[in-house]
Full PDB file with SEQRES, HELIX, SHEET, SSBOND, CRYST1, ORIGX, SCALE, CONECT and MASTER records, all heavy atoms in Angstrom:
SEQRES   1 A   41  GLY LEU LYS GLY GLY SER THR VAL ALA LYS VAL LEU GLU          
SEQRES   2 A   41  MET VAL GLY ARG PHE ARG GLU GLY ASP SER ASP THR PRO          
SEQRES   3 A   41  ILE VAL LEU MET GLY TYR LEU ASN PRO ILE GLY ALA TYR          
SEQRES   4 A   41  GLY PRO                                                      
HELIX    1 AA1 VAL A    8  ARG A   19  1                                  12    
HELIX    2 AA2 LEU A   33  TYR A   39  1                                   7    
CRYST1    1.000    1.000    1.000  90.00  90.00  90.00 P 1           1          
ORIGX1      1.000000  0.000000  0.000000        0.00000                         
ORIGX2      0.000000  1.000000  0.000000        0.00000                         
ORIGX3      0.000000  0.000000  1.000000        0.00000                         
SCALE1      1.000000  0.000000  0.000000        0.00000                         
SCALE2      0.000000  1.000000  0.000000        0.00000                         
SCALE3      0.000000  0.000000  1.000000        0.00000                         
ATOM      1  N   GLY A   1     -13.642  -2.949 -23.930  1.00  0.00           N  
ATOM      2  CA  GLY A   1     -13.846  -2.090 -22.780  1.00  0.00           C  
ATOM      3  C   GLY A   1     -15.028  -1.070 -23.136  1.00  0.00           C  
ATOM      4  O   GLY A   1     -16.037  -0.748 -22.434  1.00  0.00           O  
ATOM      5  N   LEU A   2     -14.839  -0.474 -24.446  1.00  0.00           N  
ATOM      6  CA  LEU A   2     -15.971   0.383 -24.894  1.00  0.00           C  
ATOM      7  C   LEU A   2     -17.350  -0.219 -25.006  1.00  0.00           C  
ATOM      8  O   LEU A   2     -18.344   0.214 -24.602  1.00  0.00           O  
ATOM      9  CB  LEU A   2     -15.439   1.068 -26.132  1.00  0.00           C  
ATOM     10  CG  LEU A   2     -14.367   1.979 -26.058  1.00  0.00           C  
ATOM     11  CD1 LEU A   2     -13.764   2.386 -27.515  1.00  0.00           C  
ATOM     12  CD2 LEU A   2     -14.724   3.320 -25.338  1.00  0.00           C  
ATOM     13  N   LYS A   3     -17.247  -1.485 -25.540  1.00  0.00           N  
ATOM     14  CA  LYS A   3     -18.453  -2.331 -25.719  1.00  0.00           C  
ATOM     15  C   LYS A   3     -19.068  -2.603 -24.322  1.00  0.00           C  
ATOM     16  O   LYS A   3     -20.263  -2.648 -24.141  1.00  0.00           O  
ATOM     17  CB  LYS A   3     -18.180  -3.559 -26.412  1.00  0.00           C  
ATOM     18  CG  LYS A   3     -19.420  -4.360 -26.788  1.00  0.00           C  
ATOM     19  CD  LYS A   3     -19.127  -5.581 -27.494  1.00  0.00           C  
ATOM     20  CE  LYS A   3     -20.214  -6.529 -27.876  1.00  0.00           C  
ATOM     21  NZ  LYS A   3     -19.948  -7.733 -28.602  1.00  0.00           N  
ATOM     22  N   GLY A   4     -18.090  -2.780 -23.293  1.00  0.00           N  
ATOM     23  CA  GLY A   4     -18.620  -3.028 -21.908  1.00  0.00           C  
ATOM     24  C   GLY A   4     -19.074  -1.874 -21.224  1.00  0.00           C  
ATOM     25  O   GLY A   4     -19.410  -2.019 -19.992  1.00  0.00           O  
ATOM     26  N   GLY A   5     -19.118  -0.689 -21.919  1.00  0.00           N  
ATOM     27  CA  GLY A   5     -19.774   0.483 -21.181  1.00  0.00           C  
ATOM     28  C   GLY A   5     -18.836   1.459 -20.601  1.00  0.00           C  
ATOM     29  O   GLY A   5     -19.136   2.370 -19.882  1.00  0.00           O  
ATOM     30  N   SER A   6     -17.399   1.354 -20.911  1.00  0.00           N  
ATOM     31  CA  SER A   6     -16.511   2.301 -20.362  1.00  0.00           C  
ATOM     32  C   SER A   6     -16.712   3.686 -20.799  1.00  0.00           C  
ATOM     33  O   SER A   6     -16.944   4.043 -21.931  1.00  0.00           O  
ATOM     34  CB  SER A   6     -15.110   1.853 -20.791  1.00  0.00           C  
ATOM     35  OG  SER A   6     -14.181   2.810 -20.244  1.00  0.00           O  
ATOM     36  N   THR A   7     -16.662   4.551 -19.823  1.00  0.00           N  
ATOM     37  CA  THR A   7     -16.615   6.045 -20.024  1.00  0.00           C  
ATOM     38  C   THR A   7     -15.548   6.518 -19.048  1.00  0.00           C  
ATOM     39  O   THR A   7     -15.188   5.876 -18.140  1.00  0.00           O  
ATOM     40  CB  THR A   7     -17.999   6.821 -19.803  1.00  0.00           C  
ATOM     41  OG1 THR A   7     -18.407   6.455 -18.442  1.00  0.00           O  
ATOM     42  CG2 THR A   7     -19.044   6.221 -20.725  1.00  0.00           C  
ATOM     43  N   VAL A   8     -15.183   7.795 -19.130  1.00  0.00           N  
ATOM     44  CA  VAL A   8     -14.339   8.419 -18.179  1.00  0.00           C  
ATOM     45  C   VAL A   8     -14.949   8.339 -16.759  1.00  0.00           C  
ATOM     46  O   VAL A   8     -14.237   7.904 -15.857  1.00  0.00           O  
ATOM     47  CB  VAL A   8     -13.934   9.789 -18.596  1.00  0.00           C  
ATOM     48  CG1 VAL A   8     -13.116  10.391 -17.474  1.00  0.00           C  
ATOM     49  CG2 VAL A   8     -13.069   9.820 -19.866  1.00  0.00           C  
ATOM     50  N   ALA A   9     -16.186   8.678 -16.754  1.00  0.00           N  
ATOM     51  CA  ALA A   9     -16.935   8.610 -15.464  1.00  0.00           C  
ATOM     52  C   ALA A   9     -16.944   7.241 -14.846  1.00  0.00           C  
ATOM     53  O   ALA A   9     -16.750   7.081 -13.615  1.00  0.00           O  
ATOM     54  CB  ALA A   9     -18.286   9.221 -15.680  1.00  0.00           C  
ATOM     55  N   LYS A  10     -17.032   6.193 -15.694  1.00  0.00           N  
ATOM     56  CA  LYS A  10     -17.217   4.850 -15.293  1.00  0.00           C  
ATOM     57  C   LYS A  10     -15.785   4.482 -14.728  1.00  0.00           C  
ATOM     58  O   LYS A  10     -15.727   3.701 -13.784  1.00  0.00           O  
ATOM     59  CB  LYS A  10     -17.633   3.910 -16.485  1.00  0.00           C  
ATOM     60  CG  LYS A  10     -18.360   2.657 -15.951  1.00  0.00           C  
ATOM     61  CD  LYS A  10     -19.652   3.029 -15.296  1.00  0.00           C  
ATOM     62  CE  LYS A  10     -20.388   1.635 -15.134  1.00  0.00           C  
ATOM     63  NZ  LYS A  10     -21.756   1.871 -14.364  1.00  0.00           N  
ATOM     64  N   VAL A  11     -14.771   4.864 -15.427  1.00  0.00           N  
ATOM     65  CA  VAL A  11     -13.397   4.328 -14.929  1.00  0.00           C  
ATOM     66  C   VAL A  11     -13.183   5.050 -13.565  1.00  0.00           C  
ATOM     67  O   VAL A  11     -12.685   4.400 -12.650  1.00  0.00           O  
ATOM     68  CB  VAL A  11     -12.308   4.924 -15.976  1.00  0.00           C  
ATOM     69  CG1 VAL A  11     -10.930   4.625 -15.293  1.00  0.00           C  
ATOM     70  CG2 VAL A  11     -12.417   4.234 -17.368  1.00  0.00           C  
ATOM     71  N   LEU A  12     -13.554   6.352 -13.323  1.00  0.00           N  
ATOM     72  CA  LEU A  12     -13.286   6.997 -12.041  1.00  0.00           C  
ATOM     73  C   LEU A  12     -14.196   6.274 -10.960  1.00  0.00           C  
ATOM     74  O   LEU A  12     -13.805   6.187  -9.869  1.00  0.00           O  
ATOM     75  CB  LEU A  12     -13.641   8.402 -12.135  1.00  0.00           C  
ATOM     76  CG  LEU A  12     -12.697   9.179 -13.105  1.00  0.00           C  
ATOM     77  CD1 LEU A  12     -13.133  10.669 -13.180  1.00  0.00           C  
ATOM     78  CD2 LEU A  12     -11.237   8.970 -12.773  1.00  0.00           C  
ATOM     79  N   GLU A  13     -15.382   5.945 -11.292  1.00  0.00           N  
ATOM     80  CA  GLU A  13     -16.251   5.286 -10.286  1.00  0.00           C  
ATOM     81  C   GLU A  13     -15.578   3.926 -10.017  1.00  0.00           C  
ATOM     82  O   GLU A  13     -15.543   3.479  -8.859  1.00  0.00           O  
ATOM     83  CB  GLU A  13     -17.557   4.803 -11.029  1.00  0.00           C  
ATOM     84  CG  GLU A  13     -18.500   4.091 -10.112  1.00  0.00           C  
ATOM     85  CD  GLU A  13     -19.756   3.644 -10.959  1.00  0.00           C  
ATOM     86  OE1 GLU A  13     -20.345   4.404 -11.670  1.00  0.00           O  
ATOM     87  OE2 GLU A  13     -20.094   2.481 -10.661  1.00  0.00           O  
ATOM     88  N   MET A  14     -14.846   3.154 -10.864  1.00  0.00           N  
ATOM     89  CA  MET A  14     -14.247   1.930 -10.667  1.00  0.00           C  
ATOM     90  C   MET A  14     -13.155   2.117  -9.663  1.00  0.00           C  
ATOM     91  O   MET A  14     -12.924   1.435  -8.712  1.00  0.00           O  
ATOM     92  CB  MET A  14     -13.722   1.340 -11.894  1.00  0.00           C  
ATOM     93  CG  MET A  14     -12.893   0.012 -11.678  1.00  0.00           C  
ATOM     94  SD  MET A  14     -12.312  -0.641 -13.253  1.00  0.00           S  
ATOM     95  CE  MET A  14     -13.677  -0.858 -14.231  1.00  0.00           C  
ATOM     96  N   VAL A  15     -12.339   3.193  -9.842  1.00  0.00           N  
ATOM     97  CA  VAL A  15     -11.317   3.450  -8.922  1.00  0.00           C  
ATOM     98  C   VAL A  15     -11.769   3.877  -7.469  1.00  0.00           C  
ATOM     99  O   VAL A  15     -11.317   3.372  -6.478  1.00  0.00           O  
ATOM    100  CB  VAL A  15     -10.355   4.735  -9.415  1.00  0.00           C  
ATOM    101  CG1 VAL A  15      -9.366   5.055  -8.395  1.00  0.00           C  
ATOM    102  CG2 VAL A  15      -9.781   4.390 -10.721  1.00  0.00           C  
ATOM    103  N   GLY A  16     -12.864   4.649  -7.488  1.00  0.00           N  
ATOM    104  CA  GLY A  16     -13.535   4.945  -6.144  1.00  0.00           C  
ATOM    105  C   GLY A  16     -13.965   3.673  -5.438  1.00  0.00           C  
ATOM    106  O   GLY A  16     -13.810   3.595  -4.267  1.00  0.00           O  
ATOM    107  N   ARG A  17     -14.518   2.758  -6.137  1.00  0.00           N  
ATOM    108  CA  ARG A  17     -15.021   1.491  -5.400  1.00  0.00           C  
ATOM    109  C   ARG A  17     -13.783   0.678  -5.085  1.00  0.00           C  
ATOM    110  O   ARG A  17     -13.845   0.063  -3.953  1.00  0.00           O  
ATOM    111  CB  ARG A  17     -15.960   0.664  -6.497  1.00  0.00           C  
ATOM    112  CG  ARG A  17     -17.130   1.379  -6.762  1.00  0.00           C  
ATOM    113  CD  ARG A  17     -18.214   0.599  -7.478  1.00  0.00           C  
ATOM    114  NE  ARG A  17     -18.519  -0.658  -6.813  1.00  0.00           N  
ATOM    115  CZ  ARG A  17     -19.313  -1.566  -7.322  1.00  0.00           C  
ATOM    116  NH1 ARG A  17     -19.651  -1.511  -8.619  1.00  0.00           N  
ATOM    117  NH2 ARG A  17     -19.712  -2.639  -6.641  1.00  0.00           N  
ATOM    118  N   PHE A  18     -12.660   0.654  -5.803  1.00  0.00           N  
ATOM    119  CA  PHE A  18     -11.414  -0.074  -5.367  1.00  0.00           C  
ATOM    120  C   PHE A  18     -10.955   0.580  -4.200  1.00  0.00           C  
ATOM    121  O   PHE A  18     -10.472  -0.120  -3.209  1.00  0.00           O  
ATOM    122  CB  PHE A  18     -10.410   0.088  -6.507  1.00  0.00           C  
ATOM    123  CG  PHE A  18      -9.056  -0.396  -6.138  1.00  0.00           C  
ATOM    124  CD1 PHE A  18      -8.743  -1.795  -6.088  1.00  0.00           C  
ATOM    125  CD2 PHE A  18      -8.079   0.529  -5.770  1.00  0.00           C  
ATOM    126  CE1 PHE A  18      -7.493  -2.154  -5.722  1.00  0.00           C  
ATOM    127  CE2 PHE A  18      -6.800   0.266  -5.401  1.00  0.00           C  
ATOM    128  CZ  PHE A  18      -6.532  -1.138  -5.493  1.00  0.00           C  
ATOM    129  N   ARG A  19     -10.966   1.879  -4.001  1.00  0.00           N  
ATOM    130  CA  ARG A  19     -10.406   2.594  -2.834  1.00  0.00           C  
ATOM    131  C   ARG A  19     -11.324   2.264  -1.546  1.00  0.00           C  
ATOM    132  O   ARG A  19     -10.682   2.495  -0.496  1.00  0.00           O  
ATOM    133  CB  ARG A  19     -10.424   4.086  -3.090  1.00  0.00           C  
ATOM    134  CG  ARG A  19      -9.269   4.560  -3.903  1.00  0.00           C  
ATOM    135  CD  ARG A  19      -7.951   4.527  -3.262  1.00  0.00           C  
ATOM    136  NE  ARG A  19      -6.833   4.861  -4.176  1.00  0.00           N  
ATOM    137  CZ  ARG A  19      -5.767   4.128  -4.286  1.00  0.00           C  
ATOM    138  NH1 ARG A  19      -5.725   2.981  -3.621  1.00  0.00           N  
ATOM    139  NH2 ARG A  19      -4.844   4.433  -5.214  1.00  0.00           N  
ATOM    140  N   GLU A  20     -12.531   1.842  -1.732  1.00  0.00           N  
ATOM    141  CA  GLU A  20     -13.260   1.408  -0.575  1.00  0.00           C  
ATOM    142  C   GLU A  20     -12.505   0.288   0.348  1.00  0.00           C  
ATOM    143  O   GLU A  20     -12.778   0.242   1.557  1.00  0.00           O  
ATOM    144  CB  GLU A  20     -14.679   1.016  -0.869  1.00  0.00           C  
ATOM    145  CG  GLU A  20     -15.581   2.056  -1.553  1.00  0.00           C  
ATOM    146  CD  GLU A  20     -16.842   1.580  -2.151  1.00  0.00           C  
ATOM    147  OE1 GLU A  20     -16.991   0.312  -2.111  1.00  0.00           O  
ATOM    148  OE2 GLU A  20     -17.509   2.400  -2.699  1.00  0.00           O  
ATOM    149  N   GLY A  21     -11.732  -0.495  -0.349  1.00  0.00           N  
ATOM    150  CA  GLY A  21     -11.167  -1.635   0.225  1.00  0.00           C  
ATOM    151  C   GLY A  21      -9.601  -1.505   0.259  1.00  0.00           C  
ATOM    152  O   GLY A  21      -8.870  -2.423   0.872  1.00  0.00           O  
ATOM    153  N   ASP A  22      -9.074  -0.502  -0.413  1.00  0.00           N  
ATOM    154  CA  ASP A  22      -7.532  -0.446  -0.595  1.00  0.00           C  
ATOM    155  C   ASP A  22      -7.123   0.995  -0.633  1.00  0.00           C  
ATOM    156  O   ASP A  22      -7.375   1.693  -1.659  1.00  0.00           O  
ATOM    157  CB  ASP A  22      -7.086  -1.066  -1.884  1.00  0.00           C  
ATOM    158  CG  ASP A  22      -5.528  -1.321  -1.963  1.00  0.00           C  
ATOM    159  OD1 ASP A  22      -4.865  -0.265  -1.692  1.00  0.00           O  
ATOM    160  OD2 ASP A  22      -5.084  -2.399  -2.411  1.00  0.00           O  
ATOM    161  N   SER A  23      -6.481   1.482   0.326  1.00  0.00           N  
ATOM    162  CA  SER A  23      -6.164   2.846   0.445  1.00  0.00           C  
ATOM    163  C   SER A  23      -4.669   3.120   0.240  1.00  0.00           C  
ATOM    164  O   SER A  23      -4.093   4.194   0.251  1.00  0.00           O  
ATOM    165  CB  SER A  23      -6.479   3.460   1.799  1.00  0.00           C  
ATOM    166  OG  SER A  23      -5.672   2.821   2.869  1.00  0.00           O  
ATOM    167  N   ASP A  24      -3.917   1.991  -0.136  1.00  0.00           N  
ATOM    168  CA  ASP A  24      -2.433   1.930  -0.199  1.00  0.00           C  
ATOM    169  C   ASP A  24      -1.961   1.804  -1.633  1.00  0.00           C  
ATOM    170  O   ASP A  24      -0.899   2.347  -1.951  1.00  0.00           O  
ATOM    171  CB  ASP A  24      -1.855   0.997   0.605  1.00  0.00           C  
ATOM    172  CG  ASP A  24      -2.158   1.204   2.055  1.00  0.00           C  
ATOM    173  OD1 ASP A  24      -2.134   2.318   2.561  1.00  0.00           O  
ATOM    174  OD2 ASP A  24      -2.310   0.104   2.761  1.00  0.00           O  
ATOM    175  N   THR A  25      -2.566   1.011  -2.438  1.00  0.00           N  
ATOM    176  CA  THR A  25      -1.944   0.672  -3.662  1.00  0.00           C  
ATOM    177  C   THR A  25      -2.047   1.751  -4.746  1.00  0.00           C  
ATOM    178  O   THR A  25      -3.252   2.249  -5.047  1.00  0.00           O  
ATOM    179  CB  THR A  25      -2.579  -0.624  -4.412  1.00  0.00           C  
ATOM    180  OG1 THR A  25      -2.631  -1.545  -3.434  1.00  0.00           O  
ATOM    181  CG2 THR A  25      -1.964  -1.017  -5.682  1.00  0.00           C  
ATOM    182  N   PRO A  26      -1.041   2.346  -5.253  1.00  0.00           N  
ATOM    183  CA  PRO A  26      -1.114   3.388  -6.201  1.00  0.00           C  
ATOM    184  C   PRO A  26      -1.755   3.100  -7.564  1.00  0.00           C  
ATOM    185  O   PRO A  26      -1.556   1.878  -8.007  1.00  0.00           O  
ATOM    186  CB  PRO A  26       0.382   3.767  -6.532  1.00  0.00           C  
ATOM    187  CG  PRO A  26       1.161   3.290  -5.303  1.00  0.00           C  
ATOM    188  CD  PRO A  26       0.411   2.026  -4.994  1.00  0.00           C  
ATOM    189  N   ILE A  27      -2.666   3.856  -7.959  1.00  0.00           N  
ATOM    190  CA  ILE A  27      -3.349   3.626  -9.231  1.00  0.00           C  
ATOM    191  C   ILE A  27      -3.031   4.816 -10.233  1.00  0.00           C  
ATOM    192  O   ILE A  27      -2.943   6.043  -9.894  1.00  0.00           O  
ATOM    193  CB  ILE A  27      -4.820   3.764  -9.031  1.00  0.00           C  
ATOM    194  CG1 ILE A  27      -5.336   2.710  -8.187  1.00  0.00           C  
ATOM    195  CG2 ILE A  27      -5.634   3.754 -10.328  1.00  0.00           C  
ATOM    196  CD1 ILE A  27      -5.276   1.322  -8.740  1.00  0.00           C  
ATOM    197  N   VAL A  28      -2.613   4.332 -11.395  1.00  0.00           N  
ATOM    198  CA  VAL A  28      -2.140   5.301 -12.405  1.00  0.00           C  
ATOM    199  C   VAL A  28      -3.162   5.006 -13.703  1.00  0.00           C  
ATOM    200  O   VAL A  28      -3.293   3.846 -14.111  1.00  0.00           O  
ATOM    201  CB  VAL A  28      -0.687   5.088 -12.913  1.00  0.00           C  
ATOM    202  CG1 VAL A  28      -0.217   5.988 -14.115  1.00  0.00           C  
ATOM    203  CG2 VAL A  28       0.199   5.271 -11.755  1.00  0.00           C  
ATOM    204  N   LEU A  29      -3.724   6.076 -14.156  1.00  0.00           N  
ATOM    205  CA  LEU A  29      -4.532   6.033 -15.407  1.00  0.00           C  
ATOM    206  C   LEU A  29      -3.665   6.135 -16.564  1.00  0.00           C  
ATOM    207  O   LEU A  29      -2.859   7.099 -16.624  1.00  0.00           O  
ATOM    208  CB  LEU A  29      -5.791   6.999 -15.353  1.00  0.00           C  
ATOM    209  CG  LEU A  29      -6.708   6.876 -14.293  1.00  0.00           C  
ATOM    210  CD1 LEU A  29      -7.875   7.857 -14.461  1.00  0.00           C  
ATOM    211  CD2 LEU A  29      -7.342   5.539 -14.041  1.00  0.00           C  
ATOM    212  N   MET A  30      -3.797   5.301 -17.498  1.00  0.00           N  
ATOM    213  CA  MET A  30      -3.132   5.370 -18.867  1.00  0.00           C  
ATOM    214  C   MET A  30      -4.044   5.518 -20.040  1.00  0.00           C  
ATOM    215  O   MET A  30      -4.928   4.728 -20.126  1.00  0.00           O  
ATOM    216  CB  MET A  30      -2.092   4.247 -19.038  1.00  0.00           C  
ATOM    217  CG  MET A  30      -1.252   4.422 -20.209  1.00  0.00           C  
ATOM    218  SD  MET A  30       0.054   3.020 -20.191  1.00  0.00           S  
ATOM    219  CE  MET A  30       1.017   3.653 -21.544  1.00  0.00           C  
ATOM    220  N   GLY A  31      -3.924   6.588 -20.840  1.00  0.00           N  
ATOM    221  CA  GLY A  31      -4.841   6.709 -21.864  1.00  0.00           C  
ATOM    222  C   GLY A  31      -4.398   7.860 -22.757  1.00  0.00           C  
ATOM    223  O   GLY A  31      -3.215   8.259 -22.856  1.00  0.00           O  
ATOM    224  N   TYR A  32      -5.371   8.497 -23.404  1.00  0.00           N  
ATOM    225  CA  TYR A  32      -5.229   9.481 -24.440  1.00  0.00           C  
ATOM    226  C   TYR A  32      -5.944  10.854 -24.052  1.00  0.00           C  
ATOM    227  O   TYR A  32      -6.775  10.803 -23.232  1.00  0.00           O  
ATOM    228  CB  TYR A  32      -5.580   8.876 -25.788  1.00  0.00           C  
ATOM    229  CG  TYR A  32      -4.838   7.801 -26.264  1.00  0.00           C  
ATOM    230  CD1 TYR A  32      -5.120   6.476 -25.768  1.00  0.00           C  
ATOM    231  CD2 TYR A  32      -3.713   7.851 -27.043  1.00  0.00           C  
ATOM    232  CE1 TYR A  32      -4.238   5.391 -26.194  1.00  0.00           C  
ATOM    233  CE2 TYR A  32      -2.856   6.840 -27.452  1.00  0.00           C  
ATOM    234  CZ  TYR A  32      -3.168   5.535 -27.007  1.00  0.00           C  
ATOM    235  OH  TYR A  32      -2.388   4.519 -27.401  1.00  0.00           O  
ATOM    236  N   LEU A  33      -5.477  11.896 -24.766  1.00  0.00           N  
ATOM    237  CA  LEU A  33      -6.014  13.202 -24.340  1.00  0.00           C  
ATOM    238  C   LEU A  33      -7.380  13.457 -24.721  1.00  0.00           C  
ATOM    239  O   LEU A  33      -8.139  14.124 -24.081  1.00  0.00           O  
ATOM    240  CB  LEU A  33      -5.041  14.285 -24.943  1.00  0.00           C  
ATOM    241  CG  LEU A  33      -5.251  15.684 -24.579  1.00  0.00           C  
ATOM    242  CD1 LEU A  33      -5.013  15.821 -23.126  1.00  0.00           C  
ATOM    243  CD2 LEU A  33      -4.342  16.615 -25.337  1.00  0.00           C  
ATOM    244  N   ASN A  34      -7.868  12.902 -25.765  1.00  0.00           N  
ATOM    245  CA  ASN A  34      -9.307  13.184 -26.369  1.00  0.00           C  
ATOM    246  C   ASN A  34     -10.292  12.966 -25.304  1.00  0.00           C  
ATOM    247  O   ASN A  34     -11.022  13.816 -25.166  1.00  0.00           O  
ATOM    248  CB  ASN A  34      -9.460  12.292 -27.613  1.00  0.00           C  
ATOM    249  CG  ASN A  34     -10.727  12.735 -28.251  1.00  0.00           C  
ATOM    250  OD1 ASN A  34     -11.887  12.419 -27.770  1.00  0.00           O  
ATOM    251  ND2 ASN A  34     -10.711  13.454 -29.355  1.00  0.00           N  
ATOM    252  N   PRO A  35     -10.340  11.844 -24.611  1.00  0.00           N  
ATOM    253  CA  PRO A  35     -11.375  11.689 -23.633  1.00  0.00           C  
ATOM    254  C   PRO A  35     -11.369  12.733 -22.495  1.00  0.00           C  
ATOM    255  O   PRO A  35     -12.323  13.202 -22.061  1.00  0.00           O  
ATOM    256  CB  PRO A  35     -11.251  10.279 -23.055  1.00  0.00           C  
ATOM    257  CG  PRO A  35     -10.604   9.576 -24.145  1.00  0.00           C  
ATOM    258  CD  PRO A  35      -9.665  10.474 -24.851  1.00  0.00           C  
ATOM    259  N   ILE A  36     -10.070  13.041 -21.998  1.00  0.00           N  
ATOM    260  CA  ILE A  36      -9.912  14.032 -21.039  1.00  0.00           C  
ATOM    261  C   ILE A  36     -10.311  15.503 -21.432  1.00  0.00           C  
ATOM    262  O   ILE A  36     -10.986  16.118 -20.776  1.00  0.00           O  
ATOM    263  CB  ILE A  36      -8.428  13.957 -20.598  1.00  0.00           C  
ATOM    264  CG1 ILE A  36      -7.979  12.692 -19.956  1.00  0.00           C  
ATOM    265  CG2 ILE A  36      -8.108  15.196 -19.543  1.00  0.00           C  
ATOM    266  CD1 ILE A  36      -6.662  12.553 -19.666  1.00  0.00           C  
ATOM    267  N   GLY A  37     -10.058  15.714 -22.706  1.00  0.00           N  
ATOM    268  CA  GLY A  37     -10.485  16.976 -23.184  1.00  0.00           C  
ATOM    269  C   GLY A  37     -12.021  17.119 -23.298  1.00  0.00           C  
ATOM    270  O   GLY A  37     -12.495  18.080 -23.105  1.00  0.00           O  
ATOM    271  N   ALA A  38     -12.575  16.039 -23.664  1.00  0.00           N  
ATOM    272  CA  ALA A  38     -13.989  16.009 -23.848  1.00  0.00           C  
ATOM    273  C   ALA A  38     -14.740  16.292 -22.280  1.00  0.00           C  
ATOM    274  O   ALA A  38     -15.781  16.922 -22.167  1.00  0.00           O  
ATOM    275  CB  ALA A  38     -14.590  14.761 -24.493  1.00  0.00           C  
ATOM    276  N   TYR A  39     -14.060  15.593 -21.391  1.00  0.00           N  
ATOM    277  CA  TYR A  39     -14.456  15.593 -20.026  1.00  0.00           C  
ATOM    278  C   TYR A  39     -14.277  17.024 -19.357  1.00  0.00           C  
ATOM    279  O   TYR A  39     -14.979  17.427 -18.539  1.00  0.00           O  
ATOM    280  CB  TYR A  39     -13.849  14.472 -19.229  1.00  0.00           C  
ATOM    281  CG  TYR A  39     -14.382  14.228 -17.833  1.00  0.00           C  
ATOM    282  CD1 TYR A  39     -15.407  13.143 -17.771  1.00  0.00           C  
ATOM    283  CD2 TYR A  39     -13.980  14.812 -16.703  1.00  0.00           C  
ATOM    284  CE1 TYR A  39     -15.974  12.874 -16.464  1.00  0.00           C  
ATOM    285  CE2 TYR A  39     -14.480  14.473 -15.518  1.00  0.00           C  
ATOM    286  CZ  TYR A  39     -15.512  13.580 -15.361  1.00  0.00           C  
ATOM    287  OH  TYR A  39     -15.962  13.228 -14.110  1.00  0.00           O  
ATOM    288  N   GLY A  40     -13.114  17.581 -19.804  1.00  0.00           N  
ATOM    289  CA  GLY A  40     -12.696  18.858 -19.299  1.00  0.00           C  
ATOM    290  C   GLY A  40     -11.563  18.671 -18.322  1.00  0.00           C  
ATOM    291  O   GLY A  40     -11.795  17.927 -17.215  1.00  0.00           O  
ATOM    292  N   PRO A  41     -10.361  19.278 -18.714  1.00  0.00           N  
ATOM    293  CA  PRO A  41      -9.099  18.803 -17.928  1.00  0.00           C  
ATOM    294  C   PRO A  41      -9.180  19.168 -16.305  1.00  0.00           C  
ATOM    295  O   PRO A  41      -8.896  18.330 -15.596  1.00  0.00           O  
ATOM    296  CB  PRO A  41      -8.060  19.664 -18.556  1.00  0.00           C  
ATOM    297  CG  PRO A  41      -8.628  19.818 -20.038  1.00  0.00           C  
ATOM    298  CD  PRO A  41     -10.127  19.940 -19.904  1.00  0.00           C  
TER     299      PRO A  41                                                      
MASTER        0    0    0    2    0    0    0    6  298    1    0    4          
END                                                                             
């Protein structure tokens, strides 16, 4: 995933594009604190 270009912003963009066609399925992000801390909680 990191090699494929993943960043926190990219993950959120992916969720946003998913939501364009699905407003019902719950999405849960699973990860670690470090990237969130760097992004700003």
